[in-house]
């Protein structure tokens, strides 16, 4: 199964990226995902179910430890992957 995750972390700071936002960027950019788009007001990533769900687990744990007080998260099923893909 192929998934897309969209997420934001709060609190926002328009002057400079808060630590939890930097941690989120690092986690999502180093995960084994097929497509990543990191922006100032939202982030998306796509990949196989195992990779996305693992990244979400790490993301939640690390951003909360880094001071996030809220994480908004949405996961969408994009379809099935080819045999052998995860």
Protein backbone atom coordinates (compact mmCIF):
# COMPACT_ATOMS: atom_id res chain seq x y z
CA UNK A 1 0.00 0.00 0.00
CA UNK A 2 1.21 3.49 -0.85
CA UNK A 3 0.53 6.35 1.59
CA UNK A 4 0.80 10.12 1.72
CA UNK A 5 1.26 11.90 5.05
CA UNK A 6 0.63 15.60 5.53
CA UNK A 7 1.59 17.25 8.80
CA UNK A 8 2.28 20.48 10.64
CA UNK A 9 3.85 21.10 14.03
CA UNK A 10 3.05 23.92 16.41
CA UNK A 11 3.61 26.42 17.89
CA UNK A 12 4.48 28.50 14.84
CA UNK A 13 7.18 31.13 14.87
CA UNK A 14 7.30 33.39 11.82
CA UNK A 15 10.68 34.89 12.74
CA UNK A 16 12.66 31.66 12.85
CA UNK A 17 11.95 27.97 12.62
CA UNK A 18 11.39 26.45 16.06
CA UNK A 19 13.45 23.46 17.12
CA UNK A 20 10.55 21.03 16.65
CA UNK A 21 10.13 22.18 13.03
CA UNK A 22 13.82 21.61 12.32
CA UNK A 23 13.61 18.16 13.92
CA UNK A 24 10.54 17.35 11.79
CA UNK A 25 12.40 18.36 8.64
CA UNK A 26 15.39 16.20 9.53
CA UNK A 27 13.25 13.16 10.34
CA UNK A 28 11.19 13.35 7.17
CA UNK A 29 14.12 14.13 4.86
CA UNK A 30 16.21 11.22 6.18
CA UNK A 31 13.39 8.65 6.13
CA UNK A 32 13.22 6.13 3.31
CA UNK A 33 10.40 7.91 1.48
CA UNK A 34 9.81 8.39 -2.24
CA UNK A 35 8.69 12.02 -2.25
CA UNK A 36 9.12 14.75 0.37
CA UNK A 37 7.96 18.36 0.28
CA UNK A 38 8.90 20.46 3.32
CA UNK A 39 7.42 23.94 3.60
CA UNK A 40 6.91 26.66 6.19
CA UNK A 41 3.22 25.88 6.82
CA UNK A 42 2.94 22.21 5.95
CA UNK A 43 4.85 19.14 4.92
CA UNK A 44 4.04 16.12 2.79
CA UNK A 45 5.75 12.83 2.17
CA UNK A 46 4.87 9.70 0.20
CA UNK A 47 6.04 6.14 0.19
CA UNK A 48 5.23 2.57 0.98
CA UNK A 49 3.11 1.96 4.07
CA UNK A 50 5.96 0.57 6.19
CA UNK A 51 8.24 3.51 5.42
CA UNK A 52 5.55 6.16 6.01
CA UNK A 53 4.28 4.61 9.24
CA UNK A 54 7.81 4.21 10.59
CA UNK A 55 8.59 7.84 9.71
CA UNK A 56 5.37 9.02 11.40
CA UNK A 57 6.25 7.12 14.59
CA UNK A 58 9.74 8.65 14.72
CA UNK A 59 8.39 12.07 13.74
CA UNK A 60 5.80 12.17 16.53
CA UNK A 61 8.22 11.03 19.20
CA UNK A 62 10.99 13.42 18.22
CA UNK A 63 8.96 16.58 17.61
CA UNK A 64 7.12 16.21 20.91
CA UNK A 65 10.48 15.77 22.67
CA UNK A 66 11.68 18.90 20.82
CA UNK A 67 8.88 21.08 22.17
CA UNK A 68 5.95 20.73 19.78
CA UNK A 69 2.66 21.31 21.60
CA UNK A 70 0.48 20.16 18.71
CA UNK A 71 0.94 17.98 15.65
CA UNK A 72 -1.73 17.95 12.96
CA UNK A 73 -1.47 14.84 10.85
CA UNK A 74 -3.37 13.34 7.95
CA UNK A 75 -2.63 10.05 6.20
CA UNK A 76 -4.16 9.15 2.83
CA UNK A 77 -4.05 5.85 0.98
CA UNK A 78 -2.87 6.46 -2.57
CA UNK A 79 -3.19 2.88 -3.80
CA UNK A 80 -1.41 -0.39 -3.87
CA UNK A 81 2.32 -0.70 -4.54
CA UNK A 82 3.92 -3.23 -6.82
CA UNK A 83 4.79 -6.67 -5.48
CA UNK A 84 7.88 -6.50 -3.30
CA UNK A 85 7.42 -2.78 -2.56
CA UNK A 86 6.83 -1.66 0.98
